[in-house]
Amino acid sequence: MNTSPTLICIADISGFTEFMSDTDIELSAKVISTLLNKVIYANEIGLKVSEIEGDAVLFYKYGKLPLLNDLINQCKHFYAQFYAQLNALYKSNKNHTESENIKKMLGLKIILHYGKEVGSVQIGKNIKLMGEDVITAHRLLKNKVPIDEYLLLSENLLQQYTETEIESNLEWASLKEKETSYEHIGDITYRYINLTPLNE
């Protein structure tokens, strides 16, 4: 199996389990599938889709990383399009008794990670990413970030850019640092940004 430096991006719907548990299956299935589709079609920098899970889309890009400005703008666009669709779904289903759950429970978080050796195998028509960095990206969904909607950037990713690039492209946000210890992986340092001000 060949390996390649790879950008991994996971767009994950927060509040998914509560929403699915507390909302009529017909409404919840329509809402979640529509939101995931909106995120997929909001991709403007050539990311490829590896997996679509119940509440998340796993994007990847081999080789050279995008400019940090382009990557951050893409994440902001994911968030903006997600909320445009969420608000449209709320309005179009306003007569449903559980429509309030759409706005009350759902949000978006985005994980960005970079792996120097990520492998892939084809299963049917899909590309399945393999390797420790793929596991790390998924583990980063379970973290110590105290808010529900955020952009998380792993230290592996940030090390590919200069501090000047980081500061100049993230001056609009307060970048906070955390560290989480994961079994079999160890300590992972990351920084995160609260995305909710973008929706105000």
N, C-alpha and C. Protein backbone atom coordinates (compact mmCIF):
# COMPACT_ATOMS: atom_id res chain seq x y z
N MET A 1 0.84 -1.19 0.00
CA MET A 1 0.00 0.00 0.00
C MET A 1 0.88 1.25 0.00
N ASN A 2 0.67 2.11 -0.98
CA ASN A 2 1.41 3.36 -1.04
C ASN A 2 0.84 4.35 -0.03
N THR A 3 1.73 5.20 0.49
CA THR A 3 1.28 6.25 1.41
C THR A 3 1.62 7.61 0.84
N SER A 4 0.93 8.62 1.33
CA SER A 4 1.13 9.98 0.82
C SER A 4 0.81 10.99 1.91
N PRO A 5 1.49 12.15 1.92
CA PRO A 5 1.07 13.23 2.82
C PRO A 5 -0.37 13.61 2.49
N THR A 6 -1.19 13.75 3.51
CA THR A 6 -2.62 13.92 3.28
C THR A 6 -3.26 14.88 4.28
N LEU A 7 -4.04 15.79 3.77
CA LEU A 7 -4.89 16.64 4.60
C LEU A 7 -6.17 15.88 4.89
N ILE A 8 -6.56 15.84 6.15
CA ILE A 8 -7.81 15.19 6.55
C ILE A 8 -8.72 16.24 7.17
N CYS A 9 -9.94 16.28 6.69
CA CYS A 9 -10.93 17.24 7.20
C CYS A 9 -12.21 16.48 7.52
N ILE A 10 -12.66 16.59 8.76
CA ILE A 10 -13.92 15.97 9.15
C ILE A 10 -14.92 17.06 9.54
N ALA A 11 -16.03 17.11 8.81
CA ALA A 11 -17.13 18.02 9.15
C ALA A 11 -18.18 17.19 9.86
N ASP A 12 -18.43 17.50 11.12
CA ASP A 12 -19.25 16.66 11.99
C ASP A 12 -20.42 17.45 12.56
N ILE A 13 -21.61 16.89 12.46
CA ILE A 13 -22.80 17.56 12.99
C ILE A 13 -22.89 17.31 14.49
N SER A 14 -22.78 18.37 15.27
CA SER A 14 -22.92 18.23 16.72
C SER A 14 -24.40 18.17 17.09
N GLY A 15 -24.70 17.46 18.17
CA GLY A 15 -26.08 17.31 18.60
C GLY A 15 -26.83 16.22 17.85
N PHE A 16 -26.13 15.45 17.02
CA PHE A 16 -26.76 14.45 16.15
C PHE A 16 -27.53 13.39 16.95
N THR A 17 -26.90 12.81 17.97
CA THR A 17 -27.53 11.72 18.71
C THR A 17 -28.80 12.18 19.40
N GLU A 18 -28.73 13.34 20.05
CA GLU A 18 -29.91 13.89 20.73
C GLU A 18 -31.02 14.18 19.73
N PHE A 19 -30.64 14.76 18.60
CA PHE A 19 -31.63 15.11 17.57
C PHE A 19 -32.32 13.87 17.03
N MET A 20 -31.55 12.83 16.72
CA MET A 20 -32.13 11.60 16.19
C MET A 20 -33.02 10.92 17.22
N SER A 21 -32.64 11.02 18.49
CA SER A 21 -33.42 10.37 19.55
C SER A 21 -34.73 11.09 19.85
N ASP A 22 -34.71 12.42 19.73
CA ASP A 22 -35.85 13.22 20.16
C ASP A 22 -36.73 13.73 19.03
N THR A 23 -36.41 13.33 17.79
CA THR A 23 -37.12 13.86 16.63
C THR A 23 -37.69 12.73 15.77
N ASP A 24 -38.87 12.95 15.26
CA ASP A 24 -39.52 12.00 14.35
C ASP A 24 -38.55 11.55 13.26
N ILE A 25 -38.50 10.24 12.97
CA ILE A 25 -37.51 9.68 12.06
C ILE A 25 -37.61 10.27 10.65
N GLU A 26 -38.81 10.55 10.20
CA GLU A 26 -38.97 11.11 8.85
C GLU A 26 -38.35 12.50 8.76
N LEU A 27 -38.60 13.33 9.76
CA LEU A 27 -38.02 14.67 9.77
C LEU A 27 -36.52 14.61 10.00
N SER A 28 -36.07 13.84 10.97
CA SER A 28 -34.64 13.80 11.31
C SER A 28 -33.81 13.27 10.14
N ALA A 29 -34.29 12.24 9.46
CA ALA A 29 -33.55 11.69 8.31
C ALA A 29 -33.44 12.72 7.19
N LYS A 30 -34.54 13.43 6.94
CA LYS A 30 -34.52 14.45 5.88
C LYS A 30 -33.56 15.58 6.23
N VAL A 31 -33.60 16.03 7.46
CA VAL A 31 -32.75 17.14 7.88
C VAL A 31 -31.27 16.77 7.82
N ILE A 32 -30.90 15.64 8.40
CA ILE A 32 -29.49 15.26 8.44
C ILE A 32 -28.93 15.01 7.04
N SER A 33 -29.65 14.31 6.20
CA SER A 33 -29.16 14.03 4.86
C SER A 33 -29.01 15.31 4.04
N THR A 34 -29.95 16.24 4.22
CA THR A 34 -29.88 17.51 3.48
C THR A 34 -28.69 18.35 3.95
N LEU A 35 -28.45 18.37 5.26
CA LEU A 35 -27.31 19.13 5.79
C LEU A 35 -25.98 18.55 5.33
N LEU A 36 -25.85 17.22 5.35
CA LEU A 36 -24.61 16.59 4.90
C LEU A 36 -24.37 16.85 3.43
N ASN A 37 -25.43 16.79 2.62
CA ASN A 37 -25.30 17.09 1.20
C ASN A 37 -24.84 18.53 0.98
N LYS A 38 -25.38 19.45 1.78
CA LYS A 38 -25.01 20.86 1.64
C LYS A 38 -23.52 21.05 1.94
N VAL A 39 -23.02 20.37 2.97
CA VAL A 39 -21.60 20.46 3.30
C VAL A 39 -20.75 19.91 2.16
N ILE A 40 -21.14 18.77 1.61
CA ILE A 40 -20.37 18.15 0.52
C ILE A 40 -20.29 19.09 -0.68
N TYR A 41 -21.40 19.70 -1.05
CA TYR A 41 -21.41 20.57 -2.22
C TYR A 41 -20.84 21.96 -1.95
N ALA A 42 -20.53 22.24 -0.68
CA ALA A 42 -19.89 23.51 -0.34
C ALA A 42 -18.37 23.44 -0.51
N ASN A 43 -17.85 22.28 -0.88
CA ASN A 43 -16.42 22.08 -1.07
C ASN A 43 -15.93 22.84 -2.30
N GLU A 44 -15.03 23.81 -2.09
CA GLU A 44 -14.55 24.66 -3.19
C GLU A 44 -13.05 24.55 -3.45
N ILE A 45 -12.34 23.70 -2.68
CA ILE A 45 -10.89 23.63 -2.84
C ILE A 45 -10.40 22.25 -3.26
N GLY A 46 -11.29 21.48 -3.85
CA GLY A 46 -10.87 20.20 -4.42
C GLY A 46 -10.66 19.08 -3.42
N LEU A 47 -11.31 19.15 -2.28
CA LEU A 47 -11.25 18.04 -1.33
C LEU A 47 -12.04 16.86 -1.90
N LYS A 48 -11.62 15.65 -1.58
CA LYS A 48 -12.34 14.46 -2.01
C LYS A 48 -13.05 13.85 -0.80
N VAL A 49 -14.14 13.16 -1.05
CA VAL A 49 -14.90 12.51 0.02
C VAL A 49 -14.45 11.06 0.14
N SER A 50 -14.03 10.68 1.34
CA SER A 50 -13.67 9.29 1.60
C SER A 50 -14.86 8.54 2.19
N GLU A 51 -15.49 9.14 3.20
CA GLU A 51 -16.61 8.47 3.88
C GLU A 51 -17.69 9.47 4.24
N ILE A 52 -18.93 8.99 4.19
CA ILE A 52 -20.06 9.74 4.74
C ILE A 52 -20.62 8.87 5.85
N GLU A 53 -20.48 9.34 7.07
CA GLU A 53 -20.97 8.59 8.23
C GLU A 53 -22.33 9.15 8.63
N GLY A 54 -22.90 8.65 9.70
CA GLY A 54 -24.23 9.09 10.10
C GLY A 54 -24.33 10.58 10.32
N ASP A 55 -23.28 11.16 10.90
CA ASP A 55 -23.32 12.57 11.25
C ASP A 55 -22.12 13.35 10.74
N ALA A 56 -21.34 12.78 9.84
CA ALA A 56 -20.09 13.43 9.44
C ALA A 56 -19.68 13.09 8.02
N VAL A 57 -18.87 13.99 7.45
CA VAL A 57 -18.23 13.76 6.15
C VAL A 57 -16.73 13.81 6.36
N LEU A 58 -16.04 12.78 5.87
CA LEU A 58 -14.58 12.74 5.93
C LEU A 58 -14.03 13.13 4.57
N PHE A 59 -13.41 14.31 4.51
CA PHE A 59 -12.76 14.80 3.29
C PHE A 59 -11.26 14.54 3.39
N TYR A 60 -10.60 14.48 2.24
CA TYR A 60 -9.15 14.37 2.23
C TYR A 60 -8.58 15.03 0.98
N LYS A 61 -7.29 15.33 1.04
CA LYS A 61 -6.57 15.88 -0.12
C LYS A 61 -5.14 15.43 -0.03
N TYR A 62 -4.68 14.72 -1.06
CA TYR A 62 -3.30 14.25 -1.10
C TYR A 62 -2.34 15.39 -1.47
N GLY A 63 -1.09 15.20 -1.08
CA GLY A 63 -0.02 16.08 -1.58
C GLY A 63 0.05 17.44 -0.92
N LYS A 64 0.37 18.42 -1.73
CA LYS A 64 0.61 19.78 -1.22
C LYS A 64 -0.63 20.35 -0.55
N LEU A 65 -0.41 20.94 0.61
CA LEU A 65 -1.51 21.56 1.34
C LEU A 65 -2.00 22.83 0.64
N PRO A 66 -3.28 23.15 0.77
CA PRO A 66 -3.76 24.44 0.29
C PRO A 66 -3.11 25.56 1.10
N LEU A 67 -3.14 26.77 0.56
CA LEU A 67 -2.74 27.93 1.36
C LEU A 67 -3.63 27.99 2.59
N LEU A 68 -3.07 28.42 3.70
CA LEU A 68 -3.85 28.45 4.94
C LEU A 68 -5.08 29.34 4.79
N ASN A 69 -4.94 30.44 4.09
CA ASN A 69 -6.06 31.34 3.85
C ASN A 69 -7.21 30.60 3.15
N ASP A 70 -6.86 29.80 2.13
CA ASP A 70 -7.88 29.06 1.39
C ASP A 70 -8.53 27.99 2.27
N LEU A 71 -7.73 27.35 3.09
CA LEU A 71 -8.25 26.29 3.96
C LEU A 71 -9.20 26.85 5.02
N ILE A 72 -8.81 27.95 5.63
CA ILE A 72 -9.66 28.58 6.65
C ILE A 72 -10.95 29.10 6.02
N ASN A 73 -10.83 29.73 4.85
CA ASN A 73 -12.03 30.23 4.17
C ASN A 73 -12.96 29.09 3.78
N GLN A 74 -12.39 27.94 3.42
CA GLN A 74 -13.23 26.79 3.10
C GLN A 74 -14.03 26.35 4.33
N CYS A 75 -13.38 26.31 5.46
CA CYS A 75 -14.08 25.90 6.69
C CYS A 75 -15.17 26.91 7.07
N LYS A 76 -14.88 28.19 6.89
CA LYS A 76 -15.90 29.21 7.16
C LYS A 76 -17.08 29.06 6.19
N HIS A 77 -16.76 28.67 4.96
CA HIS A 77 -17.82 28.46 3.96
C HIS A 77 -18.67 27.24 4.31
N PHE A 78 -18.02 26.16 4.74
CA PHE A 78 -18.78 24.99 5.22
C PHE A 78 -19.78 25.43 6.27
N TYR A 79 -19.30 26.20 7.22
CA TYR A 79 -20.14 26.63 8.35
C TYR A 79 -21.30 27.52 7.89
N ALA A 80 -20.99 28.47 7.02
CA ALA A 80 -22.02 29.39 6.52
C ALA A 80 -23.09 28.65 5.73
N GLN A 81 -22.66 27.73 4.87
CA GLN A 81 -23.62 26.98 4.06
C GLN A 81 -24.44 26.01 4.91
N PHE A 82 -23.81 25.42 5.91
CA PHE A 82 -24.53 24.55 6.83
C PHE A 82 -25.67 25.32 7.50
N TYR A 83 -25.37 26.53 7.98
CA TYR A 83 -26.39 27.30 8.68
C TYR A 83 -27.44 27.87 7.74
N ALA A 84 -27.06 28.20 6.52
CA ALA A 84 -28.06 28.65 5.55
C ALA A 84 -29.07 27.54 5.30
N GLN A 85 -28.55 26.31 5.17
CA GLN A 85 -29.43 25.17 4.94
C GLN A 85 -30.25 24.84 6.19
N LEU A 86 -29.63 24.91 7.35
CA LEU A 86 -30.34 24.62 8.60
C LEU A 86 -31.51 25.59 8.79
N ASN A 87 -31.26 26.87 8.54
CA ASN A 87 -32.32 27.86 8.69
C ASN A 87 -33.44 27.64 7.67
N ALA A 88 -33.06 27.24 6.44
CA ALA A 88 -34.07 26.96 5.41
C ALA A 88 -34.91 25.75 5.80
N LEU A 89 -34.27 24.73 6.37
CA LEU A 89 -35.00 23.54 6.81
C LEU A 89 -35.94 23.86 7.96
N TYR A 90 -35.50 24.71 8.85
CA TYR A 90 -36.35 25.12 9.98
C TYR A 90 -37.60 25.83 9.46
N LYS A 91 -37.41 26.75 8.53
CA LYS A 91 -38.55 27.51 7.99
C LYS A 91 -39.51 26.62 7.21
N SER A 92 -38.96 25.71 6.41
CA SER A 92 -39.82 24.86 5.57
C SER A 92 -40.56 23.79 6.37
N ASN A 93 -40.08 23.52 7.59
CA ASN A 93 -40.73 22.52 8.44
C ASN A 93 -41.35 23.13 9.70
N LYS A 94 -41.61 24.40 9.64
CA LYS A 94 -42.05 25.12 10.84
C LYS A 94 -43.36 24.59 11.41
N ASN A 95 -44.18 23.98 10.57
CA ASN A 95 -45.46 23.46 11.04
C ASN A 95 -45.31 22.11 11.75
N HIS A 96 -44.14 21.51 11.63
CA HIS A 96 -43.91 20.24 12.31
C HIS A 96 -43.75 20.49 13.81
N THR A 97 -44.33 19.62 14.61
CA THR A 97 -44.31 19.84 16.07
C THR A 97 -42.89 19.81 16.65
N GLU A 98 -41.95 19.18 15.95
CA GLU A 98 -40.58 19.07 16.49
C GLU A 98 -39.57 19.91 15.70
N SER A 99 -40.07 20.90 14.96
CA SER A 99 -39.18 21.72 14.13
C SER A 99 -38.17 22.50 14.96
N GLU A 100 -38.55 22.87 16.19
CA GLU A 100 -37.63 23.62 17.05
C GLU A 100 -36.34 22.86 17.32
N ASN A 101 -36.40 21.53 17.27
CA ASN A 101 -35.20 20.72 17.50
C ASN A 101 -34.11 21.02 16.48
N ILE A 102 -34.49 21.42 15.27
CA ILE A 102 -33.52 21.68 14.22
C ILE A 102 -32.56 22.79 14.66
N LYS A 103 -33.11 23.89 15.12
CA LYS A 103 -32.28 25.03 15.53
C LYS A 103 -31.70 24.85 16.93
N LYS A 104 -32.45 24.15 17.80
CA LYS A 104 -32.04 24.04 19.19
C LYS A 104 -30.89 23.05 19.39
N MET A 105 -30.86 21.98 18.60
CA MET A 105 -29.94 20.88 18.87
C MET A 105 -28.74 20.78 17.93
N LEU A 106 -28.86 21.24 16.71
CA LEU A 106 -27.83 20.94 15.70
C LEU A 106 -26.81 22.06 15.52
N GLY A 107 -25.59 21.68 15.24
CA GLY A 107 -24.50 22.61 14.95
C GLY A 107 -23.43 21.90 14.16
N LEU A 108 -22.29 22.57 13.94
CA LEU A 108 -21.22 21.98 13.13
C LEU A 108 -19.87 22.19 13.79
N LYS A 109 -19.07 21.13 13.80
CA LYS A 109 -17.68 21.25 14.21
C LYS A 109 -16.82 20.66 13.10
N ILE A 110 -15.60 21.20 12.96
CA ILE A 110 -14.72 20.80 11.86
C ILE A 110 -13.34 20.47 12.43
N ILE A 111 -12.82 19.32 12.05
CA ILE A 111 -11.50 18.87 12.47
C ILE A 111 -10.56 18.92 11.27
N LEU A 112 -9.40 19.55 11.45
CA LEU A 112 -8.36 19.56 10.41
C LEU A 112 -7.10 18.90 10.96
N HIS A 113 -6.59 17.94 10.22
CA HIS A 113 -5.38 17.21 10.64
C HIS A 113 -4.54 16.91 9.41
N TYR A 114 -3.24 16.74 9.63
CA TYR A 114 -2.33 16.46 8.52
C TYR A 114 -1.50 15.23 8.86
N GLY A 115 -1.46 14.28 7.95
CA GLY A 115 -0.66 13.08 8.15
C GLY A 115 0.38 12.95 7.04
N LYS A 116 1.61 12.64 7.42
CA LYS A 116 2.68 12.50 6.41
C LYS A 116 2.65 11.16 5.70
N GLU A 117 2.04 10.16 6.34
CA GLU A 117 1.97 8.83 5.73
C GLU A 117 0.57 8.26 5.89
N VAL A 118 -0.29 8.61 4.97
CA VAL A 118 -1.66 8.10 4.98
C VAL A 118 -1.82 7.20 3.76
N GLY A 119 -2.29 5.99 4.01
CA GLY A 119 -2.51 5.04 2.93
C GLY A 119 -3.97 5.01 2.53
N SER A 120 -4.26 4.32 1.44
CA SER A 120 -5.65 4.20 1.00
C SER A 120 -5.85 2.88 0.28
N VAL A 121 -7.05 2.35 0.41
CA VAL A 121 -7.45 1.16 -0.33
C VAL A 121 -8.82 1.42 -0.94
N GLN A 122 -9.07 0.81 -2.07
CA GLN A 122 -10.37 0.97 -2.71
C GLN A 122 -11.29 -0.16 -2.27
N ILE A 123 -12.46 0.23 -1.77
CA ILE A 123 -13.49 -0.73 -1.39
C ILE A 123 -14.74 -0.37 -2.19
N GLY A 124 -15.06 -1.21 -3.17
CA GLY A 124 -16.13 -0.87 -4.10
C GLY A 124 -15.74 0.37 -4.88
N LYS A 125 -16.59 1.38 -4.84
CA LYS A 125 -16.29 2.64 -5.54
C LYS A 125 -15.68 3.68 -4.61
N ASN A 126 -15.47 3.30 -3.35
CA ASN A 126 -15.00 4.26 -2.36
C ASN A 126 -13.53 4.06 -2.01
N ILE A 127 -12.88 5.16 -1.63
CA ILE A 127 -11.50 5.13 -1.15
C ILE A 127 -11.53 5.17 0.37
N LYS A 128 -10.94 4.15 0.98
CA LYS A 128 -10.88 4.07 2.44
C LYS A 128 -9.48 4.48 2.88
N LEU A 129 -9.38 5.55 3.68
CA LEU A 129 -8.09 6.00 4.18
C LEU A 129 -7.63 5.11 5.33
N MET A 130 -6.32 4.86 5.39
CA MET A 130 -5.77 3.97 6.41
C MET A 130 -4.57 4.64 7.07
N GLY A 131 -4.31 4.28 8.32
CA GLY A 131 -3.12 4.75 9.00
C GLY A 131 -3.42 5.43 10.32
N GLU A 132 -2.36 5.61 11.11
CA GLU A 132 -2.52 6.18 12.44
C GLU A 132 -3.10 7.58 12.41
N ASP A 133 -2.73 8.36 11.39
CA ASP A 133 -3.23 9.75 11.34
C ASP A 133 -4.72 9.80 11.05
N VAL A 134 -5.24 8.81 10.38
CA VAL A 134 -6.69 8.74 10.14
C VAL A 134 -7.39 8.47 11.48
N ILE A 135 -6.82 7.56 12.25
CA ILE A 135 -7.36 7.26 13.58
C ILE A 135 -7.29 8.51 14.46
N THR A 136 -6.14 9.20 14.40
CA THR A 136 -5.97 10.42 15.19
C THR A 136 -7.02 11.46 14.85
N ALA A 137 -7.29 11.66 13.57
CA ALA A 137 -8.30 12.65 13.16
C ALA A 137 -9.66 12.31 13.74
N HIS A 138 -10.03 11.03 13.72
CA HIS A 138 -11.30 10.63 14.30
C HIS A 138 -11.31 10.80 15.82
N ARG A 139 -10.20 10.46 16.46
CA ARG A 139 -10.11 10.61 17.91
C ARG A 139 -10.24 12.07 18.33
N LEU A 140 -9.77 12.97 17.50
CA LEU A 140 -9.83 14.39 17.83
C LEU A 140 -11.26 14.92 17.94
N LEU A 141 -12.22 14.13 17.46
CA LEU A 141 -13.62 14.51 17.67
C LEU A 141 -13.99 14.42 19.14
N LYS A 142 -13.28 13.58 19.87
CA LYS A 142 -13.47 13.46 21.32
C LYS A 142 -12.32 14.23 21.98
N ASN A 143 -12.59 15.42 22.44
CA ASN A 143 -11.53 16.32 22.89
C ASN A 143 -11.97 17.09 24.13
N LYS A 144 -11.16 18.06 24.52
CA LYS A 144 -11.47 18.86 25.70
C LYS A 144 -11.97 20.26 25.36
N VAL A 145 -12.43 20.43 24.13
CA VAL A 145 -12.98 21.72 23.73
C VAL A 145 -14.32 21.92 24.45
N PRO A 146 -14.49 23.02 25.17
CA PRO A 146 -15.68 23.20 26.02
C PRO A 146 -16.90 23.77 25.30
N ILE A 147 -16.88 23.83 23.98
CA ILE A 147 -18.01 24.37 23.22
C ILE A 147 -18.42 23.36 22.15
N ASP A 148 -19.58 23.56 21.55
CA ASP A 148 -20.13 22.59 20.60
C ASP A 148 -19.78 22.86 19.14
N GLU A 149 -19.51 24.12 18.82
CA GLU A 149 -19.25 24.47 17.42
C GLU A 149 -17.89 25.14 17.30
N TYR A 150 -17.00 24.50 16.59
CA TYR A 150 -15.63 25.00 16.54
C TYR A 150 -14.89 24.44 15.34
N LEU A 151 -13.78 25.08 15.05
CA LEU A 151 -12.80 24.58 14.09
C LEU A 151 -11.57 24.18 14.90
N LEU A 152 -11.19 22.90 14.82
CA LEU A 152 -10.04 22.38 15.54
C LEU A 152 -8.92 22.10 14.55
N LEU A 153 -7.73 22.63 14.84
CA LEU A 153 -6.56 22.43 13.98
C LEU A 153 -5.49 21.70 14.79
N SER A 154 -5.12 20.52 14.33
CA SER A 154 -4.10 19.75 15.06
C SER A 154 -2.74 20.42 14.91
N GLU A 155 -1.87 20.16 15.88
CA GLU A 155 -0.52 20.73 15.81
C GLU A 155 0.23 20.20 14.59
N ASN A 156 -0.06 18.95 14.19
CA ASN A 156 0.55 18.39 12.98
C ASN A 156 0.26 19.26 11.76
N LEU A 157 -0.97 19.75 11.69
CA LEU A 157 -1.34 20.62 10.58
C LEU A 157 -0.69 21.98 10.71
N LEU A 158 -0.78 22.57 11.88
CA LEU A 158 -0.27 23.93 12.06
C LEU A 158 1.24 24.01 11.85
N GLN A 159 1.95 22.91 12.11
CA GLN A 159 3.40 22.90 11.90
C GLN A 159 3.79 23.03 10.43
N GLN A 160 2.83 22.85 9.54
CA GLN A 160 3.11 22.97 8.10
C GLN A 160 3.04 24.42 7.63
N TYR A 161 2.63 25.31 8.54
CA TYR A 161 2.53 26.73 8.22
C TYR A 161 3.38 27.54 9.20
N THR A 162 3.78 28.72 8.81
CA THR A 162 4.55 29.58 9.70
C THR A 162 3.62 30.26 10.69
N GLU A 163 4.18 30.69 11.83
CA GLU A 163 3.37 31.42 12.81
C GLU A 163 2.82 32.71 12.22
N THR A 164 3.57 33.31 11.32
CA THR A 164 3.11 34.53 10.65
C THR A 164 1.85 34.25 9.84
N GLU A 165 1.87 33.13 9.09
CA GLU A 165 0.70 32.73 8.32
C GLU A 165 -0.49 32.47 9.24
N ILE A 166 -0.23 31.79 10.32
CA ILE A 166 -1.30 31.45 11.27
C ILE A 166 -1.90 32.72 11.85
N GLU A 167 -1.06 33.62 12.31
CA GLU A 167 -1.54 34.85 12.93
C GLU A 167 -2.30 35.73 11.94
N SER A 168 -1.79 35.84 10.72
CA SER A 168 -2.42 36.72 9.74
C SER A 168 -3.75 36.19 9.23
N ASN A 169 -3.90 34.86 9.22
CA ASN A 169 -5.15 34.26 8.71
C ASN A 169 -6.18 34.00 9.78
N LEU A 170 -5.77 34.12 11.03
CA LEU A 170 -6.70 33.84 12.12
C LEU A 170 -6.86 35.03 13.06
N GLU A 171 -6.57 36.23 12.55
CA GLU A 171 -6.67 37.41 13.39
C GLU A 171 -8.13 37.71 13.76
N TRP A 172 -9.07 37.16 13.02
CA TRP A 172 -10.49 37.37 13.27
C TRP A 172 -11.02 36.53 14.43
N ALA A 173 -10.20 35.60 14.92
CA ALA A 173 -10.68 34.66 15.94
C ALA A 173 -9.70 34.56 17.09
N SER A 174 -10.21 34.10 18.21
CA SER A 174 -9.36 33.82 19.36
C SER A 174 -8.95 32.35 19.31
N LEU A 175 -7.67 32.10 19.05
CA LEU A 175 -7.15 30.75 18.89
C LEU A 175 -6.68 30.23 20.25
N LYS A 176 -7.31 29.17 20.71
CA LYS A 176 -6.99 28.63 22.04
C LYS A 176 -6.36 27.25 21.91
N GLU A 177 -5.47 26.93 22.85
CA GLU A 177 -4.72 25.67 22.77
C GLU A 177 -5.19 24.69 23.84
N LYS A 178 -5.24 23.41 23.45
CA LYS A 178 -5.59 22.33 24.38
C LYS A 178 -4.73 21.12 24.06
N GLU A 179 -4.73 20.16 24.99
CA GLU A 179 -4.04 18.90 24.77
C GLU A 179 -4.90 17.77 25.34
N THR A 180 -5.00 16.68 24.61
CA THR A 180 -5.77 15.52 25.07
C THR A 180 -4.90 14.28 24.92
N SER A 181 -4.98 13.39 25.88
CA SER A 181 -4.24 12.13 25.83
C SER A 181 -5.17 11.03 25.35
N TYR A 182 -4.70 10.30 24.33
CA TYR A 182 -5.50 9.23 23.75
C TYR A 182 -4.78 7.89 23.91
N GLU A 183 -5.54 6.88 24.28
CA GLU A 183 -4.98 5.55 24.42
C GLU A 183 -4.39 5.07 23.10
N HIS A 184 -3.20 4.49 23.16
CA HIS A 184 -2.46 3.95 22.01
C HIS A 184 -1.86 5.04 21.11
N ILE A 185 -2.23 6.30 21.33
CA ILE A 185 -1.71 7.38 20.49
C ILE A 185 -0.83 8.32 21.29
N GLY A 186 -1.25 8.65 22.50
CA GLY A 186 -0.48 9.56 23.34
C GLY A 186 -1.11 10.94 23.38
N ASP A 187 -0.30 11.93 23.75
CA ASP A 187 -0.78 13.31 23.88
C ASP A 187 -0.84 13.99 22.52
N ILE A 188 -1.97 14.60 22.22
CA ILE A 188 -2.14 15.34 20.98
C ILE A 188 -2.47 16.80 21.33
N THR A 189 -1.67 17.70 20.80
CA THR A 189 -1.90 19.14 21.01
C THR A 189 -2.66 19.69 19.81
N TYR A 190 -3.58 20.59 20.08
CA TYR A 190 -4.37 21.20 19.02
C TYR A 190 -4.80 22.59 19.45
N ARG A 191 -5.21 23.37 18.48
CA ARG A 191 -5.77 24.68 18.77
C ARG A 191 -7.17 24.76 18.17
N TYR A 192 -8.02 25.57 18.76
CA TYR A 192 -9.39 25.62 18.26
C TYR A 192 -9.93 27.05 18.25
N ILE A 193 -10.96 27.23 17.44
CA ILE A 193 -11.62 28.51 17.26
C ILE A 193 -13.12 28.31 17.44
N ASN A 194 -13.73 29.17 18.20
CA ASN A 194 -15.18 29.17 18.34
C ASN A 194 -15.80 29.70 17.05
N LEU A 195 -16.67 28.91 16.41
CA LEU A 195 -17.26 29.33 15.14
C LEU A 195 -18.56 30.10 15.31
N THR A 196 -19.17 30.05 16.47
CA THR A 196 -20.51 30.65 16.62
C THR A 196 -20.58 32.15 16.29
N PRO A 197 -19.50 32.95 16.52
CA PRO A 197 -19.61 34.37 16.13
C PRO A 197 -19.85 34.56 14.63
N LEU A 198 -19.47 33.58 13.81
CA LEU A 198 -19.71 33.69 12.37
C LEU A 198 -21.19 33.63 12.04
N ASN A 199 -21.98 33.12 12.97
CA ASN A 199 -23.41 32.95 12.73
C ASN A 199 -24.24 34.07 13.35
N GLU A 200 -23.58 35.07 13.87
CA GLU A 200 -24.30 36.16 14.54
C GLU A 200 -24.53 37.33 13.60
